Amino acid sequence: MNRSFRTRIFAIIIALSLGLGSFAPFPALAADACTTDTTGKSQDQLRADLEACNAEIAKWTTVLNNTKQDSASYARDVATLTAKINAAQASIKAKSIAIASLGKNITDKQAEINVLDGKIEDGRNSLAELLRKTNEIDSYTLTEAMLSNEDLSSFFVDVDTYSSTERSLQDVFALLRGNKAETEAQKAELAKQKEAASAAKALIEQAKKEVEVSQAQKKDLLAESKNKEKSYSQVLADRQAKAAQIRAVLFNLRDTGAIPFGTALQYANNASAKTGVRPALILGILTQESNLGANVGSCVITNLLTGETKSVNSGKVFANGIHPTRDLPLLQTILPAVGRDPLTTKVSCPLSIGYGGAMGPAQFIPSTWNIIAGQVASLTGHNPADPWNPQDAIMALAILLKGNGAAVGTFEAERNAACKYYSGKSCAAGPGSAYGNQVMAKAATIQTTMIDPLQGI
């Protein structure tokens, strides 16, 4: 490669860094506009910093999209990686600002909860005192009033006191109920903000890894561009060979054997086009569902009346193998319709709690499959849809993830969708937060090491 071509590459890099040249449709931002310096800043200042970072993300995302459309060359690839790195770094800064802002909100919210807890404690003390007075008045009978040395007017004063005490009791009860409801609402909001902060931190770690990968690729590309003996056509040939290896990697699906990754990605891309759910997330769920445990997906039904199952590996019998009223009747309808025998087809064994009976690579229980089977059939053209067919299972998985909010596309939305896929509840409310984290980590790996290289990124 001649000197002038290498010079042009570095000129493009410099232009991109400054926001100039034909690759940059937006004017350059101020050097300190998008910054992670949040010390002592107000909420308004943090919002302004966040807007600046979002603008920078949008700029580099547009640059990235534009460079993908340019003809293949060293310069194009360097420009693409530079834009990708800058967009990721701006995203990291934006998330850092968001975490700082959430930190202020969490501190304020905790202070409000402490005040409300104090009010509740004061209310309890007042309630105890009022109940004591009420008990004293209740123990003072009419006969005692008539026979006592007290005059009649004193007795009626006590009666008035009793009525006043009763009204005070009602007021305290209402105050306690109000304070308790407000406290619970504040605690629920605090939990959401803490979950958002946790998700933002996780996303920063993911973005940092992506930056490291992109920087390494850029370094290698620049080294290749300086090597006169290696033409760009050879670089393309190397990439095509790597892409072929990625497509040929066997993607293990539970109870279905294995299919090439390229086929799984094709199914995931098709499902993504229909539902808006990111292919990497779909494949991340499938990967997670293939590694949950040795006994999952290895049971057969031994009693079609009770739902008892037995592990084909260990021989262990599970009385709670499959829910006898919710899922067992449906399973006996679903399996024959797709040419499978209910007594020999393997389903999931139960975990430590609950029931088993999940079907196919995406591990759908029959009652859930029954709800979406019609949608799957209409989108894949397979009627009836088969939960053991990888194409149908991947489409069904995408439909369920969309229903759980994954199509929004944010890290938090995708993670919550994964948690709901596992437990039916969000990461903050349910037991699936570890599952959600594992799925997002797998999705990030699949995106950066398998999908991106196939797309030439």
Protein backbone atom coordinates (compact mmCIF):
# COMPACT_ATOMS: atom_id res chain seq x y z
CA MET A 1 0.00 0.00 0.00
CA ASN A 2 1.47 3.42 -0.95
CA ARG A 3 2.11 6.31 1.41
CA SER A 4 -0.67 8.51 -0.01
CA PHE A 5 -3.32 5.86 0.72
CA ARG A 6 -2.12 5.42 4.31
CA THR A 7 -2.13 9.20 4.73
CA ARG A 8 -5.73 9.32 3.49
CA ILE A 9 -6.79 6.72 6.07
CA PHE A 10 -5.33 8.69 8.98
CA ALA A 11 -6.82 11.90 7.60
CA ILE A 12 -10.25 10.27 7.67
CA ILE A 13 -9.72 9.15 11.27
CA ILE A 14 -8.76 12.67 12.32
CA ALA A 15 -11.72 14.16 10.45
CA LEU A 16 -14.09 11.71 12.12
CA SER A 17 -12.68 12.50 15.55
CA LEU A 18 -13.31 16.22 14.96
CA GLY A 19 -16.76 15.70 13.45
CA LEU A 20 -15.62 17.00 10.03
CA GLY A 21 -15.54 15.69 6.47
CA SER A 22 -17.97 13.85 4.30
CA PHE A 23 -18.57 11.12 6.92
CA ALA A 24 -19.85 13.57 9.58
CA PRO A 25 -23.30 15.05 8.86
CA PHE A 26 -23.39 16.99 12.15
CA PRO A 27 -21.15 19.85 13.34
CA ALA A 28 -18.57 19.02 15.97
CA LEU A 29 -19.67 19.20 19.60
CA ALA A 30 -17.80 21.16 22.22
CA ALA A 31 -14.97 19.17 23.72
CA ASP A 32 -16.57 19.13 27.18
CA ALA A 33 -20.24 18.95 26.10
CA CYS A 34 -20.54 15.21 26.76
CA THR A 35 -18.65 14.59 29.97
CA THR A 36 -18.77 12.15 32.87
CA ASP A 37 -17.82 14.86 35.38
CA THR A 38 -20.96 14.89 37.56
CA THR A 39 -19.45 16.16 40.81
CA GLY A 40 -21.59 18.84 42.48
CA LYS A 41 -23.92 19.27 39.50
CA SER A 42 -27.63 19.94 39.84
CA GLN A 43 -30.33 17.86 38.19
CA ASP A 44 -30.73 20.55 35.49
CA GLN A 45 -27.00 20.49 34.74
CA LEU A 46 -27.04 16.68 34.59
CA ARG A 47 -29.98 16.78 32.18
CA ALA A 48 -28.10 19.21 29.95
CA ASP A 49 -25.03 16.94 29.96
CA LEU A 50 -27.22 13.96 29.14
CA GLU A 51 -28.77 15.77 26.18
CA ALA A 52 -25.29 16.57 24.87
CA CYS A 53 -24.27 12.91 25.15
CA ASN A 54 -27.45 11.76 23.41
CA ALA A 55 -26.72 14.20 20.57
CA GLU A 56 -23.20 12.78 20.26
CA ILE A 57 -24.57 9.22 20.20
CA ALA A 58 -26.98 10.20 17.43
CA LYS A 59 -24.15 11.83 15.44
CA TRP A 60 -21.87 8.81 15.56
CA THR A 61 -24.73 6.39 14.94
CA THR A 62 -25.52 8.28 11.73
CA VAL A 63 -21.85 8.22 10.74
CA LEU A 64 -21.78 4.49 11.44
CA ASN A 65 -24.84 3.85 9.27
CA ASN A 66 -23.43 5.97 6.44
CA THR A 67 -20.06 4.24 6.44
CA LYS A 68 -21.72 0.83 6.22
CA GLN A 69 -23.19 1.90 2.88
CA ASP A 70 -19.86 2.94 1.39
CA SER A 71 -17.86 0.59 -0.83
CA ALA A 72 -15.61 -1.89 0.96
CA SER A 73 -12.12 -0.56 1.63
CA TYR A 74 -9.60 -0.09 4.39
CA ALA A 75 -10.75 3.52 4.76
CA ARG A 76 -14.40 2.50 5.06
CA ASP A 77 -13.65 -0.13 7.68
CA VAL A 78 -11.47 2.20 9.76
CA ALA A 79 -14.18 4.88 9.59
CA THR A 80 -16.84 2.36 10.62
CA LEU A 81 -14.86 1.17 13.63
CA THR A 82 -14.02 4.74 14.65
CA ALA A 83 -17.70 5.73 14.56
CA LYS A 84 -18.67 2.59 16.47
CA ILE A 85 -16.08 3.31 19.17
CA ASN A 86 -17.12 6.95 19.52
CA ALA A 87 -20.84 6.05 19.71
CA ALA A 88 -20.13 3.44 22.41
CA GLN A 89 -17.97 5.85 24.40
CA ALA A 90 -20.66 8.54 24.25
CA SER A 91 -23.18 5.92 25.43
CA ILE A 92 -20.93 5.09 28.38
CA LYS A 93 -20.80 8.77 29.33
CA ALA A 94 -24.59 9.10 29.01
CA LYS A 95 -25.14 6.08 31.26
CA SER A 96 -22.67 7.48 33.83
CA ILE A 97 -24.67 10.72 33.93
CA ALA A 98 -27.92 8.78 34.26
CA ILE A 99 -26.48 6.82 37.19
CA ALA A 100 -25.40 10.05 38.92
CA SER A 101 -28.88 11.48 38.44
CA LEU A 102 -30.49 8.30 39.74
CA GLY A 103 -28.16 8.41 42.73
CA LYS A 104 -29.52 11.84 43.67
CA ASN A 105 -33.09 10.62 43.22
CA ILE A 106 -32.43 7.52 45.31
CA THR A 107 -30.98 9.61 48.14
CA ASP A 108 -33.98 11.96 48.09
CA LYS A 109 -36.42 9.07 47.92
CA GLN A 110 -34.78 7.32 50.87
CA ALA A 111 -35.04 10.54 52.88
CA GLU A 112 -38.77 10.76 52.06
CA ILE A 113 -39.24 7.15 53.14
CA ASN A 114 -37.42 7.85 56.43
CA VAL A 115 -39.78 10.79 57.11
CA LEU A 116 -42.82 8.66 56.33
CA ASP A 117 -41.53 5.86 58.57
CA GLY A 118 -41.20 8.45 61.37
CA LYS A 119 -44.79 9.59 60.82
CA ILE A 120 -45.99 5.99 60.97
CA GLU A 121 -44.12 5.46 64.26
CA ASP A 122 -45.61 8.67 65.71
CA GLY A 123 -49.03 7.50 64.56
CA ARG A 124 -48.57 4.16 66.29
CA ASN A 125 -47.63 5.91 69.54
CA SER A 126 -50.66 8.19 69.29
CA LEU A 127 -52.84 5.19 68.55
CA ALA A 128 -51.55 3.36 71.63
CA GLU A 129 -52.33 6.37 73.83
CA LEU A 130 -55.82 6.79 72.36
CA LEU A 131 -56.57 3.10 72.83
CA ARG A 132 -55.48 3.35 76.48
CA LYS A 133 -57.80 6.31 77.07
CA THR A 134 -60.65 4.56 75.30
CA ASN A 135 -60.17 1.50 77.49
CA GLU A 136 -60.30 3.68 80.62
CA ILE A 137 -63.53 5.32 79.51
CA ASP A 138 -65.10 2.01 78.47
CA SER A 139 -64.43 0.55 81.95
CA TYR A 140 -66.40 3.40 83.61
CA THR A 141 -70.04 2.07 83.82
CA LEU A 142 -73.23 4.13 84.20
CA THR A 143 -73.85 2.62 87.66
CA GLU A 144 -70.41 3.69 88.78
CA ALA A 145 -71.11 7.16 87.45
CA MET A 146 -74.40 7.42 89.40
CA LEU A 147 -72.93 6.10 92.66
CA SER A 148 -69.68 7.99 92.50
CA ASN A 149 -68.98 11.21 94.32
CA GLU A 150 -68.54 12.94 90.94
CA ASP A 151 -71.35 15.24 89.87
CA LEU A 152 -73.37 14.49 86.73
CA SER A 153 -71.66 17.19 84.68
CA SER A 154 -68.31 15.44 85.16
CA PHE A 155 -69.82 12.22 83.79
CA PHE A 156 -71.02 13.97 80.66
CA VAL A 157 -67.60 15.51 80.22
CA ASP A 158 -66.22 11.96 80.16
CA VAL A 159 -68.82 10.99 77.59
CA ASP A 160 -67.75 13.93 75.43
CA THR A 161 -64.14 12.86 75.91
CA TYR A 162 -65.05 9.36 74.77
CA SER A 163 -66.65 10.70 71.56
CA SER A 164 -63.65 12.91 70.94
CA THR A 165 -61.32 9.95 71.50
CA GLU A 166 -63.27 7.83 69.02
CA ARG A 167 -63.01 10.56 66.40
CA SER A 168 -59.29 10.88 67.09
CA LEU A 169 -58.90 7.15 66.67
CA GLN A 170 -60.56 7.32 63.26
CA ASP A 171 -58.28 10.20 62.27
CA VAL A 172 -55.16 8.31 63.37
CA PHE A 173 -56.26 5.16 61.54
CA ALA A 174 -56.79 7.19 58.35
CA LEU A 175 -53.41 8.89 58.77
CA LEU A 176 -51.65 5.58 59.32
CA ARG A 177 -53.29 4.04 56.27
CA GLY A 178 -52.33 7.04 54.14
CA ASN A 179 -48.75 7.10 55.38
CA LYS A 180 -48.40 3.35 54.87
CA ALA A 181 -49.73 3.53 51.31
CA GLU A 182 -47.44 6.45 50.49
CA THR A 183 -44.46 4.68 52.03
CA GLU A 184 -45.12 1.55 49.98
CA ALA A 185 -45.44 3.64 46.81
CA GLN A 186 -42.17 5.44 47.59
CA LYS A 187 -40.41 2.13 48.28
CA ALA A 188 -41.70 0.68 44.99
CA GLU A 189 -40.41 3.73 43.12
CA LEU A 190 -37.08 3.45 44.94
CA ALA A 191 -36.79 -0.19 43.88
CA LYS A 192 -37.41 0.80 40.24
CA GLN A 193 -34.73 3.50 40.40
CA LYS A 194 -32.22 1.12 41.96
CA GLU A 195 -33.01 -1.44 39.25
CA ALA A 196 -32.53 1.24 36.57
CA ALA A 197 -29.16 2.17 38.07
CA SER A 198 -28.13 -1.47 38.15
CA ALA A 199 -29.15 -1.94 34.52
CA ALA A 200 -27.25 1.20 33.50
CA LYS A 201 -24.10 -0.07 35.21
CA ALA A 202 -24.43 -3.43 33.47
CA LEU A 203 -24.87 -1.69 30.12
CA ILE A 204 -21.72 0.37 30.73
CA GLU A 205 -19.72 -2.82 31.29
CA GLN A 206 -21.16 -4.28 28.08
CA ALA A 207 -20.34 -1.11 26.13
CA LYS A 208 -16.78 -1.11 27.49
CA LYS A 209 -16.28 -4.66 26.21
CA GLU A 210 -17.63 -3.65 22.79
CA VAL A 211 -15.22 -0.72 22.70
CA GLU A 212 -12.31 -3.03 23.55
CA VAL A 213 -13.29 -5.39 20.72
CA SER A 214 -13.68 -2.55 18.22
CA GLN A 215 -10.38 -0.95 19.24
CA ALA A 216 -8.59 -4.28 18.79
CA GLN A 217 -10.18 -4.73 15.35
CA LYS A 218 -9.20 -1.20 14.37
CA LYS A 219 -5.62 -1.78 15.51
CA ASP A 220 -5.42 -4.97 13.45
CA LEU A 221 -6.93 -3.24 10.43
CA LEU A 222 -4.46 -0.37 10.59
CA ALA A 223 -1.62 -2.87 10.86
CA GLU A 224 -2.94 -4.70 7.81
CA SER A 225 -3.25 -1.46 5.86
CA LYS A 226 0.47 -0.82 6.38
CA ASN A 227 1.41 -4.27 5.11
CA LYS A 228 2.13 -3.95 1.39
CA GLU A 229 2.09 -7.70 0.94
CA LYS A 230 -1.54 -8.09 2.02
CA SER A 231 -4.10 -6.63 -0.36
CA TYR A 232 -7.63 -5.70 0.65
CA SER A 233 -8.96 -8.56 -1.46
CA GLN A 234 -6.99 -10.93 0.79
CA VAL A 235 -8.50 -9.27 3.87
CA LEU A 236 -11.97 -9.82 2.40
CA ALA A 237 -11.15 -13.45 1.67
CA ASP A 238 -10.02 -13.95 5.28
CA ARG A 239 -13.27 -12.43 6.54
CA GLN A 240 -15.35 -14.59 4.25
CA ALA A 241 -13.57 -17.67 5.56
CA LYS A 242 -14.23 -16.57 9.15
CA ALA A 243 -17.90 -15.90 8.32
CA ALA A 244 -18.21 -19.40 6.87
CA GLN A 245 -16.77 -20.85 10.09
CA ILE A 246 -19.25 -18.86 12.20
CA ARG A 247 -22.22 -20.00 10.11
CA ALA A 248 -21.10 -23.63 10.39
CA VAL A 249 -20.79 -23.58 14.19
CA LEU A 250 -23.36 -25.98 15.62
CA PHE A 251 -26.01 -24.22 17.67
CA ASN A 252 -27.24 -26.77 20.21
CA LEU A 253 -30.98 -26.70 20.82
CA ARG A 254 -32.51 -28.67 23.63
CA ASP A 255 -34.46 -31.76 22.59
CA THR A 256 -33.89 -30.90 18.93
CA GLY A 257 -30.23 -31.71 18.42
CA ALA A 258 -28.17 -29.06 16.69
CA ILE A 259 -28.51 -26.73 13.72
CA PRO A 260 -25.86 -24.49 12.11
CA PHE A 261 -25.62 -21.04 13.66
CA GLY A 262 -26.28 -19.51 10.25
CA THR A 263 -29.65 -21.28 10.14
CA ALA A 264 -30.53 -20.21 13.69
CA LEU A 265 -29.59 -16.63 12.81
CA GLN A 266 -31.73 -16.77 9.69
CA TYR A 267 -34.72 -17.87 11.78
CA ALA A 268 -33.96 -15.18 14.40
CA ASN A 269 -33.65 -12.46 11.73
CA ASN A 270 -37.02 -13.49 10.30
CA ALA A 271 -38.59 -13.48 13.76
CA SER A 272 -37.02 -10.09 14.46
CA ALA A 273 -38.53 -8.66 11.26
CA LYS A 274 -41.97 -9.82 12.43
CA THR A 275 -41.71 -8.76 16.07
CA GLY A 276 -39.01 -6.08 16.40
CA VAL A 277 -37.05 -8.15 18.95
CA ARG A 278 -33.26 -8.10 18.49
CA PRO A 279 -31.90 -11.37 16.99
CA ALA A 280 -29.04 -11.54 19.51
CA LEU A 281 -31.53 -11.47 22.40
CA ILE A 282 -33.58 -14.27 20.84
CA LEU A 283 -30.47 -16.41 20.41
CA GLY A 284 -29.26 -15.44 23.89
CA ILE A 285 -32.46 -16.88 25.40
CA LEU A 286 -32.07 -20.06 23.34
CA THR A 287 -28.47 -20.45 24.49
CA GLN A 288 -29.52 -19.96 28.11
CA GLU A 289 -32.35 -22.46 27.74
CA SER A 290 -29.86 -25.07 26.48
CA ASN A 291 -27.76 -24.90 29.65
CA LEU A 292 -30.13 -24.80 32.62
CA GLY A 293 -29.42 -28.27 34.02
CA ALA A 294 -28.82 -31.94 33.29
CA ASN A 295 -32.34 -33.07 34.16
CA VAL A 296 -34.24 -30.34 32.35
CA GLY A 297 -35.67 -31.67 29.11
CA SER A 298 -34.96 -35.31 29.95
CA CYS A 299 -38.26 -36.54 31.40
CA VAL A 300 -41.03 -38.63 29.89
CA ILE A 301 -44.60 -38.86 31.15
CA THR A 302 -45.39 -42.11 32.94
CA ASN A 303 -48.97 -41.36 34.01
CA LEU A 304 -51.35 -39.50 31.71
CA LEU A 305 -53.86 -39.04 34.55
CA THR A 306 -51.65 -37.57 37.28
CA GLY A 307 -48.84 -36.00 35.22
CA GLU A 308 -46.12 -38.08 36.87
CA THR A 309 -42.83 -38.07 34.90
CA LYS A 310 -39.52 -39.93 35.06
CA SER A 311 -36.00 -38.85 34.12
CA VAL A 312 -34.57 -40.96 31.30
CA ASN A 313 -31.08 -40.20 32.67
CA SER A 314 -31.38 -40.95 36.38
CA GLY A 315 -34.66 -42.87 36.56
CA LYS A 316 -35.94 -40.47 39.22
CA VAL A 317 -39.74 -40.24 39.36
CA PHE A 318 -41.41 -36.83 39.74
CA ALA A 319 -44.96 -36.78 41.12
CA ASN A 320 -45.14 -33.09 40.09
CA GLY A 321 -43.84 -33.84 36.59
CA ILE A 322 -46.43 -31.75 34.77
CA HIS A 323 -49.39 -29.73 36.02
CA PRO A 324 -52.28 -32.24 35.89
CA THR A 325 -55.10 -29.80 35.04
CA ARG A 326 -53.43 -26.77 33.46
CA ASP A 327 -50.89 -28.43 31.13
CA LEU A 328 -51.36 -32.20 30.92
CA PRO A 329 -54.63 -32.18 28.89
CA LEU A 330 -53.18 -29.62 26.48
CA LEU A 331 -49.98 -31.62 26.05
CA GLN A 332 -52.03 -34.65 25.03
CA THR A 333 -53.62 -32.52 22.31
CA ILE A 334 -50.48 -30.69 21.13
CA LEU A 335 -48.22 -33.73 20.74
CA PRO A 336 -50.42 -35.96 18.56
CA ALA A 337 -51.17 -32.96 16.32
CA VAL A 338 -47.45 -32.69 15.45
CA GLY A 339 -46.93 -36.46 15.18
CA ARG A 340 -45.42 -37.08 18.61
CA ASP A 341 -46.24 -39.67 21.26
CA PRO A 342 -47.12 -38.21 24.72
CA LEU A 343 -45.52 -41.21 26.46
CA THR A 344 -42.15 -41.11 24.68
CA THR A 345 -41.56 -37.42 23.90
CA LYS A 346 -39.12 -35.80 26.34
CA VAL A 347 -40.22 -32.72 28.26
CA SER A 348 -38.52 -30.78 31.05
CA CYS A 349 -38.23 -32.30 34.51
CA PRO A 350 -39.42 -30.11 37.39
CA LEU A 351 -36.87 -27.95 39.19
CA SER A 352 -36.76 -27.64 42.98
CA ILE A 353 -40.21 -26.02 43.01
CA GLY A 354 -43.20 -26.03 40.68
CA TYR A 355 -43.83 -28.31 37.72
CA GLY A 356 -41.97 -29.41 34.60
CA GLY A 357 -43.43 -30.30 31.24
CA ALA A 358 -41.77 -27.59 29.12
CA MET A 359 -41.48 -28.44 25.43
CA GLY A 360 -38.78 -28.04 22.80
CA PRO A 361 -35.69 -25.83 22.48
CA ALA A 362 -37.43 -22.71 23.81
CA GLN A 363 -38.97 -24.62 26.75
CA PHE A 364 -42.63 -23.60 26.46
CA ILE A 365 -45.11 -25.08 28.89
CA PRO A 366 -48.22 -26.31 27.06
CA SER A 367 -50.57 -23.63 28.43
CA THR A 368 -48.28 -20.84 27.21
CA TRP A 369 -47.71 -22.52 23.85
CA ASN A 370 -51.46 -22.92 23.41
CA ILE A 371 -51.93 -19.14 23.71
CA ILE A 372 -49.47 -18.20 20.95
CA ALA A 373 -49.52 -21.27 18.68
CA GLY A 374 -51.98 -19.61 16.31
CA GLN A 375 -49.73 -16.54 15.92
CA VAL A 376 -46.73 -18.78 15.30
CA ALA A 377 -48.59 -20.72 12.60
CA SER A 378 -49.66 -17.54 10.81
CA LEU A 379 -46.11 -16.13 10.80
CA THR A 380 -44.20 -19.30 9.86
CA GLY A 381 -46.85 -20.94 7.68
CA HIS A 382 -46.56 -24.18 9.68
CA ASN A 383 -50.01 -25.36 10.68
CA PRO A 384 -50.04 -26.71 13.29
CA ALA A 385 -46.97 -25.04 14.76
CA ASP A 386 -44.53 -27.44 16.39
CA PRO A 387 -42.69 -26.41 19.61
CA TRP A 388 -39.86 -28.83 18.67
CA ASN A 389 -39.38 -27.24 15.23
CA PRO A 390 -36.52 -24.69 15.62
CA GLN A 391 -38.14 -22.18 13.28
CA ASP A 392 -41.47 -22.34 15.14
CA ALA A 393 -39.77 -22.27 18.55
CA ILE A 394 -37.69 -19.21 17.65
CA MET A 395 -40.73 -17.37 16.31
CA ALA A 396 -42.72 -18.24 19.45
CA LEU A 397 -39.86 -17.04 21.64
CA ALA A 398 -39.75 -13.71 19.78
CA ILE A 399 -43.54 -13.28 20.10
CA LEU A 400 -43.37 -13.86 23.86
CA LEU A 401 -40.40 -11.49 24.25
CA LYS A 402 -42.28 -8.82 22.33
CA GLY A 403 -45.24 -9.26 24.67
CA ASN A 404 -42.82 -8.80 27.56
CA GLY A 405 -41.61 -5.44 26.17
CA ALA A 406 -38.31 -6.48 24.51
CA ALA A 407 -39.11 -4.71 21.23
CA VAL A 408 -38.42 -1.36 22.96
CA GLY A 409 -34.78 -2.32 22.43
CA THR A 410 -33.19 -0.78 25.53
CA PHE A 411 -30.93 -2.84 27.79
CA GLU A 412 -33.38 -2.56 30.69
CA ALA A 413 -36.39 -3.52 28.54
CA GLU A 414 -34.59 -6.56 27.09
CA ARG A 415 -33.33 -7.67 30.50
CA ASN A 416 -36.80 -7.37 32.04
CA ALA A 417 -38.27 -9.30 29.11
CA ALA A 418 -35.78 -12.09 29.77
CA CYS A 419 -36.66 -12.14 33.48
CA LYS A 420 -40.37 -12.31 32.62
CA TYR A 421 -39.64 -15.14 30.19
CA TYR A 422 -38.13 -17.06 33.10
CA SER A 423 -40.43 -16.17 36.01
CA GLY A 424 -43.32 -14.12 34.66
CA LYS A 425 -42.10 -11.08 36.63
CA SER A 426 -39.68 -8.21 36.09
CA CYS A 427 -36.08 -8.50 37.29
CA ALA A 428 -36.82 -6.29 40.33
CA ALA A 429 -40.03 -8.08 41.36
CA GLY A 430 -39.21 -11.71 40.60
CA PRO A 431 -36.53 -14.34 41.15
CA GLY A 432 -35.13 -14.13 37.62
CA SER A 433 -32.59 -11.28 37.87
CA ALA A 434 -29.61 -13.68 37.60
CA TYR A 435 -31.26 -15.32 34.58
CA GLY A 436 -31.74 -11.89 32.96
CA ASN A 437 -28.10 -10.95 33.55
CA GLN A 438 -26.88 -14.24 32.06
CA VAL A 439 -29.09 -13.85 28.99
CA MET A 440 -27.85 -10.29 28.37
CA ALA A 441 -24.23 -11.41 28.69
CA LYS A 442 -24.82 -14.23 26.19
CA ALA A 443 -26.66 -11.87 23.82
CA ALA A 444 -23.72 -9.41 23.94
CA THR A 445 -21.24 -12.20 23.13
CA ILE A 446 -23.37 -13.48 20.26
CA GLN A 447 -23.75 -9.94 18.88
CA THR A 448 -20.06 -9.00 18.96
CA THR A 449 -18.41 -12.32 18.13
CA MET A 450 -20.89 -13.92 15.73
CA ILE A 451 -23.51 -11.55 14.31
CA ASP A 452 -21.35 -8.44 13.80
CA PRO A 453 -18.58 -10.31 11.92
CA LEU A 454 -21.21 -11.76 9.57
CA GLN A 455 -22.42 -8.22 8.88
CA GLY A 456 -18.89 -7.00 8.19
CA ILE A 457 -18.68 -4.86 11.31
